[in-house]
Amino acid sequence: MTKYDPLRVFLAGRSESEVPANFREIEAIVGGRLPPSAFKYRAWWSNNADNHVNARAWLAAGYETDRVDMNSQTLIFRRLVRGAAPPPVGGMLARVRGALRGTVRFAPGADPTAPTGEHWDAQDS
């Protein structure tokens, strides 16, 4: 169980497409203070489940953050579209492979994120 499981349970029990909240309300739901970074950095509210246990909670409940206003300390939890692909989990390589799944094939061990060594100049024709 993580600190943010109560938030997951709270959101999972909601049926609205949008759930407005402020940072203090979220603290009340989780039963403790949010870290200082939640009040300082917009990135804390990103929907990146790779390294953010907090984001995993709202994503697991079927919501993502939207319209985060750091000045007023408010945000909207917006319900994810049913049937949409879940947010990618894993590093860059896993995300690229996930995005391209079913469209291309990679040789075993190939890294589509590796530099090709080619140099492209942007110029008008």
Protein backbone atom coordinates (compact mmCIF):
# COMPACT_ATOMS: atom_id res chain seq x y z
CA MET A 1 0.00 0.00 0.00
CA THR A 2 1.29 3.44 -0.89
CA LYS A 3 0.61 6.85 0.59
CA TYR A 4 -1.58 7.66 -2.42
CA ASP A 5 -3.82 4.57 -2.33
CA PRO A 6 -6.57 6.54 -0.55
CA LEU A 7 -6.58 8.95 -3.51
CA ARG A 8 -6.88 6.01 -5.91
CA VAL A 9 -9.80 4.60 -3.91
CA PHE A 10 -11.45 8.03 -3.73
CA LEU A 11 -11.22 8.61 -7.48
CA ALA A 12 -12.18 5.03 -8.37
CA GLY A 13 -15.42 5.58 -6.48
CA ARG A 14 -16.32 8.66 -8.54
CA SER A 15 -18.41 8.60 -11.69
CA GLU A 16 -17.88 12.18 -12.88
CA SER A 17 -15.87 12.90 -16.00
CA GLU A 18 -14.11 15.72 -14.12
CA VAL A 19 -13.34 15.93 -10.41
CA PRO A 20 -12.06 19.36 -9.31
CA ALA A 21 -9.76 19.43 -6.31
CA ASN A 22 -7.28 21.62 -4.52
CA PHE A 23 -4.01 20.50 -3.03
CA ARG A 24 -5.26 20.74 0.57
CA GLU A 25 -8.27 18.55 -0.25
CA ILE A 26 -5.91 15.96 -1.67
CA GLU A 27 -3.87 16.10 1.54
CA ALA A 28 -7.06 15.41 3.49
CA ILE A 29 -7.85 12.43 1.25
CA VAL A 30 -4.37 10.88 1.61
CA GLY A 31 -4.24 11.69 5.29
CA GLY A 32 -0.96 13.57 5.18
CA ARG A 33 0.97 16.41 3.67
CA LEU A 34 1.98 16.45 0.03
CA PRO A 35 5.72 16.89 -0.51
CA PRO A 36 7.03 20.44 -1.05
CA SER A 37 7.65 19.56 -4.71
CA ALA A 38 3.88 19.20 -5.23
CA PHE A 39 3.51 22.89 -4.38
CA LYS A 40 6.59 24.00 -6.31
CA TYR A 41 6.84 21.94 -9.51
CA ARG A 42 4.15 21.35 -12.11
CA ALA A 43 5.94 18.15 -13.10
CA TRP A 44 4.85 16.53 -9.81
CA TRP A 45 1.32 16.54 -11.22
CA SER A 46 2.31 15.00 -14.56
CA ASN A 47 0.64 11.82 -15.73
CA ASN A 48 3.95 9.96 -15.91
CA ALA A 49 3.53 6.65 -14.13
CA ASP A 50 7.16 5.64 -14.72
CA ASN A 51 8.65 7.33 -11.66
CA HIS A 52 5.69 8.84 -9.86
CA VAL A 53 3.79 6.74 -7.34
CA ASN A 54 1.30 9.59 -7.02
CA ALA A 55 0.52 9.49 -10.76
CA ARG A 56 0.12 5.71 -10.66
CA ALA A 57 -2.66 6.22 -8.10
CA TRP A 58 -4.85 8.52 -10.19
CA LEU A 59 -4.09 6.68 -13.43
CA ALA A 60 -5.03 3.35 -11.81
CA ALA A 61 -8.34 4.92 -10.82
CA GLY A 62 -8.98 5.87 -14.44
CA TYR A 63 -8.19 9.59 -14.14
CA GLU A 64 -5.46 11.93 -15.30
CA THR A 65 -4.57 15.40 -14.10
CA ASP A 66 -5.60 18.39 -16.17
CA ARG A 67 -5.61 22.17 -15.79
CA VAL A 68 -3.16 22.19 -12.90
CA ASP A 69 -2.89 25.76 -11.58
CA MET A 70 0.13 26.07 -9.34
CA ASN A 71 -0.82 29.60 -8.20
CA SER A 72 -4.29 28.69 -6.95
CA GLN A 73 -3.18 25.13 -6.06
CA THR A 74 -6.09 23.57 -7.94
CA LEU A 75 -6.49 20.95 -10.62
CA ILE A 76 -9.01 18.78 -12.38
CA PHE A 77 -8.87 15.00 -12.38
CA ARG A 78 -10.26 14.11 -15.82
CA ARG A 79 -11.59 10.62 -16.50
CA LEU A 80 -9.62 8.72 -19.10
CA VAL A 81 -11.57 7.60 -22.15
CA ARG A 82 -12.67 4.02 -21.72
CA GLY A 83 -10.99 1.72 -24.19
CA ALA A 84 -8.06 4.08 -24.67
CA ALA A 85 -4.61 2.63 -24.32
CA PRO A 86 -3.24 3.01 -20.79
CA PRO A 87 -0.34 5.41 -20.30
CA PRO A 88 2.94 3.80 -21.27
CA VAL A 89 5.08 2.34 -18.53
CA GLY A 90 8.80 1.82 -18.85
CA GLY A 91 11.70 3.72 -20.27
CA MET A 92 11.97 5.50 -23.59
CA LEU A 93 12.63 2.28 -25.48
CA ALA A 94 9.52 0.63 -24.03
CA ARG A 95 7.43 3.69 -24.94
CA VAL A 96 8.71 3.75 -28.52
CA ARG A 97 8.09 0.05 -28.95
CA GLY A 98 4.62 0.43 -27.43
CA ALA A 99 3.75 3.32 -29.74
CA LEU A 100 4.94 1.40 -32.79
CA ARG A 101 3.53 -1.98 -31.75
CA GLY A 102 1.85 -3.61 -34.70
CA THR A 103 3.23 -1.12 -37.22
CA VAL A 104 6.88 -2.12 -37.54
CA ARG A 105 9.19 -4.93 -36.48
CA PHE A 106 12.55 -4.50 -34.82
CA ALA A 107 15.38 -6.99 -35.04
CA PRO A 108 16.26 -8.49 -31.67
CA GLY A 109 18.48 -6.06 -29.79
CA ALA A 110 17.71 -3.12 -32.11
CA ASP A 111 17.30 0.24 -30.37
CA PRO A 112 15.06 2.59 -32.38
CA THR A 113 16.02 5.46 -30.07
CA ALA A 114 19.75 5.17 -30.83
CA PRO A 115 21.32 7.89 -33.02
CA THR A 116 21.69 6.89 -36.65
CA GLY A 117 24.78 8.96 -37.29
CA GLU A 118 22.98 10.76 -40.09
CA HIS A 119 22.99 14.55 -40.09
CA TRP A 120 19.96 16.33 -41.50
CA ASP A 121 20.03 20.00 -42.33
CA ALA A 122 16.74 21.85 -42.28
CA GLN A 123 16.68 24.05 -45.31
CA ASP A 124 14.17 25.46 -47.71
CA SER A 125 14.08 23.91 -51.18
